[in-house]
Protein backbone atom coordinates (compact mmCIF):
# COMPACT_ATOMS: atom_id res chain seq x y z
CA MET A 1 -12.95 -16.25 -0.02
CA LYS A 2 -16.35 -15.74 0.98
CA THR A 3 -17.26 -12.11 1.98
CA SER A 4 -17.72 -12.07 5.96
CA ALA A 5 -21.04 -11.34 7.84
CA LEU A 6 -19.78 -7.64 8.18
CA GLY A 7 -19.61 -7.37 4.50
CA ARG A 8 -15.56 -7.18 4.31
CA ILE A 9 -13.83 -7.14 0.96
CA ALA A 10 -10.79 -9.32 1.12
CA LEU A 11 -7.09 -9.03 -0.23
CA ALA A 12 -6.14 -11.67 -2.74
CA ALA A 13 -3.19 -13.59 -1.33
CA GLY A 14 -1.41 -14.18 -4.65
CA ILE A 15 1.13 -11.64 -5.85
CA ALA A 16 2.52 -12.32 -9.28
CA ALA A 17 6.04 -11.31 -10.35
CA LEU A 18 6.56 -7.77 -11.63
CA THR A 19 4.86 -6.28 -14.48
CA ALA A 20 3.90 -3.54 -17.07
CA GLY A 21 6.72 -1.07 -17.46
CA ALA A 22 6.41 1.62 -14.35
CA LEU A 23 6.85 5.11 -16.34
CA PRO A 24 8.76 7.65 -14.35
CA ALA A 25 6.37 10.32 -12.68
CA THR A 26 6.94 14.00 -12.97
CA ALA A 27 8.88 16.12 -10.76
CA HIS A 28 8.25 19.42 -10.00
CA ALA A 29 9.82 22.32 -8.54
CA ASP A 30 12.93 21.50 -6.41
CA ASP A 31 12.19 17.68 -7.40
CA SER A 32 11.15 17.19 -3.92
CA LYS A 33 7.65 16.43 -4.95
CA VAL A 34 6.63 14.06 -7.72
CA GLU A 35 3.29 14.79 -9.37
CA ARG A 36 2.02 11.69 -11.27
CA LYS A 37 -0.33 12.49 -14.26
CA THR A 38 -3.20 10.08 -13.91
CA LEU A 39 -6.07 9.73 -16.32
CA PRO A 40 -9.05 7.84 -14.98
CA VAL A 41 -11.23 6.50 -17.90
CA MET A 42 -14.63 5.28 -17.73
CA VAL A 43 -15.23 2.56 -20.16
CA GLU A 44 -18.40 0.70 -21.34
CA PHE A 45 -18.95 -2.71 -23.20
CA SER A 46 -21.04 -3.57 -26.30
CA ASP A 47 -23.45 -5.48 -23.74
CA ALA A 48 -23.03 -3.50 -20.26
CA SER A 49 -23.07 0.08 -19.39
CA PHE A 50 -22.89 2.13 -16.07
CA GLN A 51 -26.24 2.52 -14.11
CA ASP A 52 -25.82 6.14 -13.79
CA ALA A 53 -22.77 7.30 -16.10
CA ASP A 54 -23.43 10.87 -15.30
CA ALA A 55 -23.13 10.31 -11.29
CA VAL A 56 -19.79 8.17 -11.87
CA LYS A 57 -18.61 11.14 -14.16
CA ALA A 58 -19.25 13.69 -11.84
CA GLY A 59 -17.83 12.16 -8.51
CA THR A 60 -14.64 10.54 -10.04
CA PRO A 61 -12.61 13.54 -10.34
CA ASP A 62 -12.96 14.11 -6.56
CA THR A 63 -12.24 10.73 -5.79
CA TYR A 64 -8.86 10.97 -7.54
CA PHE A 65 -7.74 14.42 -7.13
CA GLY A 66 -9.82 16.29 -4.58
CA THR A 67 -8.92 18.06 -1.65
CA GLY A 68 -10.81 15.96 0.95
CA LYS A 69 -9.30 13.68 3.21
CA ASP A 70 -10.85 10.85 1.31
CA SER A 71 -9.19 11.39 -2.10
CA LEU A 72 -6.43 9.64 -3.72
CA ALA A 73 -4.32 12.70 -3.92
CA SER A 74 -4.93 13.72 -0.26
CA PHE A 75 -3.91 10.23 1.09
CA PHE A 76 -0.63 9.96 -1.04
CA THR A 77 0.07 13.72 -0.22
CA GLU A 78 -0.30 12.96 3.41
CA VAL A 79 1.53 9.30 3.44
CA SER A 80 4.30 10.62 1.62
CA ARG A 81 4.40 14.00 3.83
CA GLY A 82 4.27 15.69 0.61
CA GLN A 83 6.68 14.20 -1.64
CA TYR A 84 4.01 12.31 -3.91
CA THR A 85 0.68 12.88 -5.01
CA THR A 86 -1.76 12.18 -8.06
CA VAL A 87 -2.65 14.83 -10.50
CA PRO A 88 -5.33 14.94 -13.08
CA ALA A 89 -3.78 14.57 -16.82
CA VAL A 90 -6.84 16.07 -18.35
CA GLU A 91 -8.70 19.31 -17.33
CA GLU A 92 -11.93 17.47 -16.75
CA GLY A 93 -10.18 15.04 -14.45
CA VAL A 94 -11.91 11.97 -16.25
CA VAL A 95 -12.52 10.74 -19.90
CA GLY A 96 -15.59 8.90 -20.89
CA PRO A 97 -17.48 6.99 -20.90
CA VAL A 98 -15.80 5.12 -24.08
CA THR A 99 -17.59 2.12 -25.34
CA LEU A 100 -15.05 -0.90 -26.04
CA PRO A 101 -15.75 -3.11 -29.09
CA MET A 102 -16.03 -6.27 -26.67
CA THR A 103 -18.62 -7.94 -24.64
CA ALA A 104 -18.08 -7.63 -20.63
CA ALA A 105 -17.87 -11.60 -20.00
CA GLY A 106 -14.48 -13.01 -19.24
CA CYS A 107 -13.03 -9.91 -17.39
CA ASP A 108 -10.20 -9.69 -19.74
CA HIS A 109 -8.38 -6.99 -18.07
CA ASN A 110 -5.50 -7.16 -20.84
CA ARG A 111 -8.29 -6.65 -23.80
CA ILE A 112 -9.89 -3.88 -21.76
CA ASN A 113 -6.50 -2.12 -21.23
CA THR A 114 -5.33 -2.42 -25.00
CA LEU A 115 -8.69 -1.34 -26.33
CA THR A 116 -9.01 1.86 -23.83
CA ARG A 117 -5.39 2.93 -24.74
CA GLU A 118 -6.39 2.61 -28.60
CA ALA A 119 -9.46 4.65 -27.79
CA LEU A 120 -7.46 7.14 -25.96
CA ALA A 121 -4.85 7.29 -28.63
CA ALA A 122 -7.58 8.20 -31.20
CA GLN A 123 -8.61 11.24 -29.16
CA GLY A 124 -4.74 12.10 -29.07
CA LEU A 125 -3.92 10.83 -25.43
CA VAL A 126 -0.90 8.86 -25.64
CA MET A 127 0.61 7.04 -22.54
CA GLY A 128 4.05 8.37 -21.55
CA GLU A 129 3.14 11.61 -23.05
CA ASP A 130 -0.18 12.91 -22.05
CA TYR A 131 -0.49 10.79 -18.85
CA GLU A 132 1.65 8.67 -16.89
CA SER A 133 -0.91 6.46 -15.05
CA LEU A 134 -3.93 4.76 -16.38
CA SER A 135 -7.05 3.92 -14.37
CA VAL A 136 -9.75 2.20 -16.00
CA ILE A 137 -13.15 2.31 -14.59
CA PHE A 138 -15.91 -0.16 -15.51
CA PRO A 139 -19.32 -1.62 -14.77
CA ALA A 140 -19.35 -4.93 -13.28
CA GLN A 141 -22.50 -6.52 -13.93
CA LYS A 142 -21.53 -8.78 -16.44
CA THR A 143 -17.84 -9.24 -16.37
CA GLY A 144 -17.62 -12.21 -13.98
CA CYS A 145 -14.31 -10.65 -12.34
CA ALA A 146 -13.01 -12.36 -9.54
CA TRP A 147 -11.55 -8.83 -8.13
CA ALA A 148 -12.66 -5.82 -7.16
CA GLY A 149 -9.38 -3.82 -8.11
CA LEU A 150 -6.20 -4.92 -9.97
CA GLY A 151 -2.98 -3.21 -10.36
CA SER A 152 0.43 -3.72 -12.01
CA VAL A 153 3.23 -3.97 -9.77
CA PRO A 154 5.07 -1.90 -10.51
CA GLY A 155 3.50 -0.11 -13.40
CA PRO A 156 1.06 2.29 -14.59
CA TYR A 157 -2.04 0.32 -14.89
CA THR A 158 -4.99 -0.02 -12.45
CA TRP A 159 -8.57 -1.70 -13.37
CA ILE A 160 -11.29 -0.56 -10.80
CA ASN A 161 -14.45 -2.91 -10.96
CA LEU A 162 -17.73 -0.90 -10.13
CA TYR A 163 -21.16 -0.41 -9.98
CA GLY A 164 -23.72 1.96 -8.18
CA THR A 165 -23.57 4.92 -6.39
CA ALA A 166 -21.57 5.43 -3.33
CA GLY A 167 -17.91 6.61 -2.52
CA GLY A 168 -14.61 5.84 -0.58
CA LEU A 169 -11.00 5.42 -0.71
CA GLY A 170 -9.81 1.49 0.09
CA VAL A 171 -9.17 -0.46 -2.87
CA LEU A 172 -8.17 2.62 -5.29
CA GLY A 173 -5.32 3.32 -2.91
CA HIS A 174 -4.43 -0.05 -2.46
CA GLU A 175 -4.06 -0.73 -6.17
CA PHE A 176 -1.83 2.36 -6.64
CA GLY A 177 0.24 1.13 -3.66
CA HIS A 178 0.90 -2.02 -6.13
CA ASN A 179 1.85 0.54 -9.02
CA LEU A 180 4.58 1.85 -6.40
CA GLY A 181 6.01 -1.93 -6.43
CA LEU A 182 4.13 -2.72 -2.93
CA GLY A 183 2.81 -6.35 -2.51
CA HIS A 184 0.37 -7.58 -0.14
CA GLN A 185 2.01 -7.38 3.35
CA GLY A 186 1.73 -10.47 5.35
CA ARG A 187 2.54 -11.40 8.82
CA SER A 188 4.87 -13.99 10.09
CA MET A 189 3.88 -15.45 13.42
CA CYS A 190 6.90 -15.96 15.93
CA THR A 191 5.56 -16.84 19.00
CA ASP A 192 8.57 -18.24 20.52
CA GLY A 193 10.38 -15.14 20.39
CA ASP A 194 12.98 -16.14 17.85
CA LEU A 195 12.66 -15.12 14.37
CA VAL A 196 14.15 -18.56 12.99
CA ASP A 197 11.38 -20.37 13.38
CA CYS A 198 8.15 -18.50 12.05
CA THR A 199 4.86 -19.25 10.37
CA SER A 200 3.17 -17.30 7.54
CA ASN A 201 -0.16 -16.46 8.67
CA GLY A 202 -2.78 -13.60 7.59
CA THR A 203 -1.78 -10.21 6.65
CA SER A 204 -0.35 -7.31 8.71
CA ALA A 205 -3.29 -4.73 9.27
CA LYS A 206 -0.39 -2.10 9.80
CA SER A 207 -0.63 -1.11 6.12
CA LEU A 208 -3.20 -0.28 3.41
CA MET A 209 -1.24 -3.19 1.65
CA GLY A 210 -1.84 -5.37 4.46
CA GLY A 211 -5.45 -5.11 5.15
CA GLY A 212 -5.25 -2.05 7.35
CA GLY A 213 -7.33 0.17 5.09
CA PRO A 214 -6.25 3.75 4.34
CA ALA A 215 -5.91 4.95 8.05
CA ALA A 216 -3.14 2.65 8.54
CA GLY A 217 -1.06 4.18 5.42
CA PHE A 218 2.17 2.44 4.65
CA SER A 219 4.69 0.60 6.92
CA ALA A 220 8.32 1.67 7.29
CA PRO A 221 9.85 -0.91 4.73
CA GLU A 222 7.02 0.19 2.02
CA MET A 223 7.94 3.81 2.90
CA ILE A 224 11.72 2.90 2.33
CA ARG A 225 10.53 1.17 -0.88
CA ALA A 226 8.72 4.33 -2.31
CA GLY A 227 11.47 6.60 -1.36
CA TRP A 228 9.98 8.64 1.14
CA LEU A 229 12.18 8.04 4.18
CA SER A 230 15.67 9.72 3.93
CA GLY A 231 18.89 8.38 4.91
CA SER A 232 18.76 10.25 8.18
CA GLU A 233 15.01 9.06 8.46
CA ALA A 234 15.92 5.29 7.94
CA VAL A 235 19.00 4.36 9.45
CA LYS A 236 20.99 1.63 8.26
CA VAL A 237 22.36 0.25 11.60
CA ASP A 238 26.07 -1.34 11.34
CA ALA A 239 26.63 -1.20 15.15
CA SER A 240 25.20 -2.32 18.48
CA GLY A 241 23.50 0.74 20.45
CA THR A 242 20.57 2.59 21.54
CA TYR A 243 18.04 4.55 19.15
CA THR A 244 15.49 6.92 19.63
CA LEU A 245 12.56 6.52 17.13
CA ARG A 246 9.67 9.28 16.40
CA SER A 247 6.31 8.23 15.06
CA LEU A 248 6.58 6.94 11.23
CA HIS A 249 3.93 9.36 10.04
CA GLY A 250 4.36 12.38 12.31
CA ALA A 251 5.56 15.64 11.58
CA GLY A 252 9.14 16.94 12.17
CA GLU A 253 12.62 15.59 11.78
CA GLY A 254 14.21 12.37 13.17
CA THR A 255 14.98 8.91 12.81
CA ARG A 256 11.71 7.01 12.09
CA ALA A 257 13.01 3.50 11.13
CA LEU A 258 16.08 1.31 11.87
CA ASP A 259 17.10 -0.74 9.04
CA ILE A 260 19.06 -3.74 10.48
CA PRO A 261 21.17 -6.45 8.73
CA MET A 262 19.73 -9.94 9.54
CA GLY A 263 21.58 -12.49 7.40
CA GLU A 264 20.56 -12.12 3.78
CA ASP A 265 17.46 -10.50 5.04
CA ARG A 266 16.65 -7.00 6.63
CA LEU A 267 14.89 -5.99 9.74
CA VAL A 268 12.94 -3.05 9.83
CA VAL A 269 11.84 -1.53 13.14
CA GLU A 270 9.35 1.40 13.27
CA TYR A 271 7.45 3.32 15.79
CA ARG A 272 3.69 4.04 15.23
CA HIS A 273 1.71 6.53 16.87
CA ALA A 274 -1.36 8.71 15.82
CA ALA A 275 -0.55 11.44 13.33
CA GLY A 276 -2.93 13.38 10.97
CA THR A 277 -5.40 11.24 9.69
CA LEU A 278 -3.31 8.05 10.24
CA ASP A 279 -2.26 5.58 13.19
CA GLY A 280 -5.35 6.45 15.08
CA ALA A 281 -5.59 2.92 16.18
CA ILE A 282 -2.01 1.87 16.08
CA GLU A 283 0.59 2.45 18.78
CA GLY A 284 3.58 1.03 19.40
CA VAL A 285 7.21 -0.60 18.12
CA HIS A 286 6.73 -3.05 15.01
CA ALA A 287 9.13 -4.98 13.21
CA TYR A 288 9.14 -6.49 9.48
CA ARG A 289 11.08 -9.16 8.04
CA VAL A 290 12.38 -7.83 4.51
CA PRO A 291 13.54 -10.88 2.20
CA LYS A 292 16.60 -10.25 0.54
CA GLY A 293 16.20 -6.54 0.47
CA ALA A 294 12.95 -6.45 -1.26
CA TYR A 295 11.44 -3.57 0.96
CA GLY A 296 7.84 -4.06 -1.09
CA SER A 297 7.65 -7.55 -0.06
CA SER A 298 7.99 -7.07 3.75
CA SER A 299 6.00 -9.13 6.31
CA LEU A 300 4.91 -7.90 9.64
CA ILE A 301 6.67 -10.00 12.71
CA ASP A 302 3.96 -11.09 15.44
CA MET A 303 5.41 -12.40 18.53
CA THR A 304 1.95 -12.55 20.45
CA GLU A 305 -0.32 -15.55 21.12
CA ALA A 306 -3.35 -13.22 21.15
CA ASN A 307 -3.34 -11.96 17.49
CA LYS A 308 -2.94 -15.71 15.77
CA THR A 309 -6.09 -15.49 13.58
CA VAL A 310 -6.10 -15.22 9.95
CA ALA A 311 -8.43 -12.10 10.23
CA ASN A 312 -5.97 -10.54 12.56
CA ASP A 313 -8.74 -9.41 14.65
CA ALA A 314 -7.06 -8.72 17.98
CA ALA A 315 -6.22 -5.14 19.31
CA THR A 316 -4.41 -2.97 16.58
CA ASP A 317 -1.32 -2.74 19.11
CA ALA A 318 -1.45 -6.34 20.33
CA ASP A 319 1.50 -7.03 17.84
CA ALA A 320 3.85 -4.31 19.05
CA ILE A 321 6.95 -5.93 19.94
CA THR A 322 9.01 -5.71 23.27
CA ALA A 323 11.82 -8.02 22.30
CA VAL A 324 12.73 -9.97 19.35
CA THR A 325 15.68 -12.21 18.69
CA ASP A 326 17.29 -13.84 15.58
CA THR A 327 19.76 -16.57 16.82
CA ALA A 328 20.76 -17.46 13.29
CA SER A 329 22.06 -14.01 12.58
CA LYS A 330 22.97 -12.76 15.96
CA VAL A 331 20.57 -10.04 16.11
CA SER A 332 18.49 -8.94 18.85
CA VAL A 333 16.12 -5.82 19.42
CA ALA A 334 14.58 -4.79 22.65
CA VAL A 335 12.27 -1.91 23.57
CA VAL A 336 13.45 0.36 26.18
CA SER A 337 10.41 2.63 26.13
CA SER A 338 7.64 3.33 23.98
CA GLY A 339 4.68 6.06 23.98
CA GLY A 340 3.64 9.45 23.69
CA GLY A 341 5.05 10.08 20.17
CA LYS A 342 8.76 8.15 20.74
CA ALA A 343 10.14 5.11 21.56
CA THR A 344 13.55 4.03 22.55
CA VAL A 345 15.05 0.81 21.13
CA LYS A 346 18.07 -1.13 21.78
CA VAL A 347 20.23 -3.26 19.05
CA SER A 348 22.39 -5.82 19.47
CA LEU A 349 24.44 -7.31 16.63
CA ASP A 350 26.90 -9.14 18.43
CA GLY A 351 24.70 -12.12 19.74
CA GLU A 352 23.76 -10.39 23.05
CA LYS A 353 20.14 -11.48 24.07
CA LEU A 354 18.14 -8.30 25.05
CA THR A 355 15.24 -8.04 27.44
CA SER A 356 12.56 -5.34 27.15
CA GLY A 357 11.78 -2.32 29.28
CA PRO A 358 14.73 -0.39 31.50
CA SER A 359 16.50 -3.42 32.16
CA ALA A 360 17.49 -3.59 28.53
CA GLY A 361 19.96 -0.66 29.38
CA LYS A 362 20.34 2.81 28.54
CA THR A 363 23.66 3.25 26.67
CA THR A 364 24.58 6.63 25.18
CA ASP A 365 22.13 7.04 22.64
CA ALA A 366 23.72 6.14 19.04
CA ASN A 367 21.36 8.08 17.20
CA PRO A 368 19.58 10.85 19.01
CA ALA A 369 16.22 12.47 17.75
CA PRO A 370 14.57 15.72 19.03
CA ALA A 371 11.68 15.47 21.17
CA PRO A 372 8.66 15.18 18.84
CA ALA A 373 5.87 17.64 18.80
CA PRO A 374 2.33 16.94 19.86
CA GLU A 375 0.69 14.82 17.23
CA HIS A 376 -3.12 14.85 16.90
CA THR A 377 -5.56 12.10 15.57
CA GLY A 378 -8.37 13.35 13.22
CA SER A 379 -8.86 15.92 10.20
CA ASP A 380 -5.07 16.89 10.20
CA THR A 381 10.65 7.96 -6.94
CA ASP A 382 10.10 4.84 -6.40
CA ALA A 383 13.23 3.59 -4.67
CA GLY A 384 14.97 0.35 -5.50
CA ASP A 385 14.51 -2.37 -3.12
CA GLY A 386 16.39 -5.51 -4.53
CA ALA A 387 13.15 -6.67 -6.52
CA ALA A 388 13.50 -6.52 -10.41
CA ASP A 389 11.45 -4.12 -11.97
CA ALA A 390 9.09 -4.94 -14.81
CA THR A 391 9.60 -4.44 -18.56
CA GLU A 392 6.50 -3.28 -20.25
CA VAL A 393 5.80 -6.08 -23.25
CA ARG A 394 5.34 -4.08 -26.61
CA SER A 395 3.82 -5.24 -29.78
CA GLY A 396 3.32 -3.06 -32.44
CA GLY A 397 0.41 -0.65 -32.94
CA SER A 398 -0.70 2.43 -31.04
CA ALA A 399 -1.37 0.36 -27.76
CA PRO A 400 0.69 -2.68 -26.92
CA ALA A 401 -0.82 -5.84 -25.63
CA GLU A 402 0.02 -6.47 -22.08
CA ASP A 403 1.16 -9.58 -20.04
CA THR A 404 -1.69 -11.33 -18.03
CA THR A 405 0.72 -12.21 -15.34
CA ASP A 406 2.23 -9.70 -12.60
CA LEU A 407 -0.71 -8.24 -11.14
CA ALA A 408 -2.07 -8.11 -7.88
CA ALA A 409 -5.77 -8.17 -7.09
CA THR A 410 -7.78 -6.93 -4.35
CA GLY A 411 -11.03 -8.80 -3.34
CA GLY A 412 -12.47 -12.13 -4.53
CA GLY A 413 -9.39 -14.35 -3.86
CA SER A 414 -8.92 -17.31 -1.79
CA ASN A 415 -6.82 -17.19 1.45
CA THR A 416 -7.25 -13.72 1.92
CA ALA A 417 -7.77 -11.42 4.91
CA PRO A 418 -9.89 -8.16 5.26
CA LEU A 419 -9.10 -4.77 3.86
CA ALA A 420 -12.11 -2.89 5.66
CA ALA A 421 -14.05 -3.39 8.86
CA THR A 422 -17.59 -2.93 7.65
CA GLY A 423 -19.42 -3.22 4.59
CA ALA A 424 -18.21 -2.70 0.85
CA LEU A 425 -14.76 -1.03 0.07
CA LEU A 426 -15.92 2.34 -1.55
CA VAL A 427 -13.80 3.55 -4.27
CA ALA A 428 -15.36 6.89 -5.65
CA ALA A 429 -16.44 10.06 -3.54
CA GLY A 430 -18.06 13.29 -4.09
CA ALA A 431 -21.50 14.22 -5.69
CA GLY A 432 -21.73 11.10 -7.79
CA ALA A 433 -19.81 8.22 -6.14
CA LEU A 434 -19.17 4.98 -6.88
CA VAL A 435 -19.50 1.38 -4.96
CA MET A 436 -16.81 -1.00 -5.33
CA MET A 437 -18.25 -4.44 -6.49
CA ARG A 438 -17.80 -7.19 -3.95
CA ARG A 439 -17.68 -10.51 -5.38
CA ARG A 440 -16.76 -14.18 -4.64
CA ARG A 441 -14.52 -16.25 -6.68
CA ARG A 442 -16.51 -18.22 -9.15
CA ALA A 443 -16.10 -21.92 -9.14
């Protein structure tokens, strides 16, 4: 995948299986909030070092744990509605730089991980005891990595391939999304109105995991996978009826997603509307196919003709649904009304083909929700999903070797779609800042 003229960094299309032993994060207070002890480590090589290590070290704590809206901690606190965040494993917020006894060439992420953990163990920092998540940051000049970021799916490891002096969030949040068990969210084009005949094309743009950037947050099936929607918020539909949805990322109580049986798969329906720093450019009811209950592997259902490009560059609300039908499973969904912070959706599980708008009918609301409070745009664990969790590969010694498979990469892959609209995706913030390396896949 070549970087576009606008300098977009792409998502890698291939998602390997699952990997590298996800460790439980630490629950606090009434167990309603998970705080994952995260350890960013700056590493250098025998033949490559940071251009300005002091600047990187000064900016990294704010990038991961700062209170500003562009930090990893702030993003996860907002998108999970206070249920999940990252906290520093050490008082300084970052360790390093540590020089590894290896050259940079070859982008050997396994060896980087193993040697980093050995160096940390020598300092008395042990995975599972002193930290739950390891994020390795290294200079990119000589590595030849085909990716800008890499994350275990699910698992405790991220690799961030950096150089320079600027800052941001996109790749970092994306890789930590992989750690939660989320894959790259694709898009299914179903332009004839029936879900039986769909074509995979591009990414969703409705999630950080699908090219939408941090402002898109996560989609409803991903929120279900992460365990951030309660049973009353993600309603498992077992009868035909009319349902009221409030916005996925908005404040207050109410139903945020419908989880509908569709043969061996599930159909998840959400309503998106601007809330806090999220969804400022997304509006309307959206639907996702969840293959065999694997909520972390969902794909957006796109019924439109206007949004057919791999770049998914039509208006961000162009793929909001009005009515969808799956004749194979006799499931139909129609939007009765949508806008202003809530939507009314009719679901049929008995083969009735529904149409959108008031003609879809207004039966007694099967799941009423309170009217939403006004929501404003601007400066405002891990649930099982049917996909097998990974097992950490252990091999004797202080730092087990890691399997090279079961990882998801960001940037530099082929058959990819944009993750950010303009310029390089930036991964550090604050005084020092870091720039995400943009690389093309080498021949």
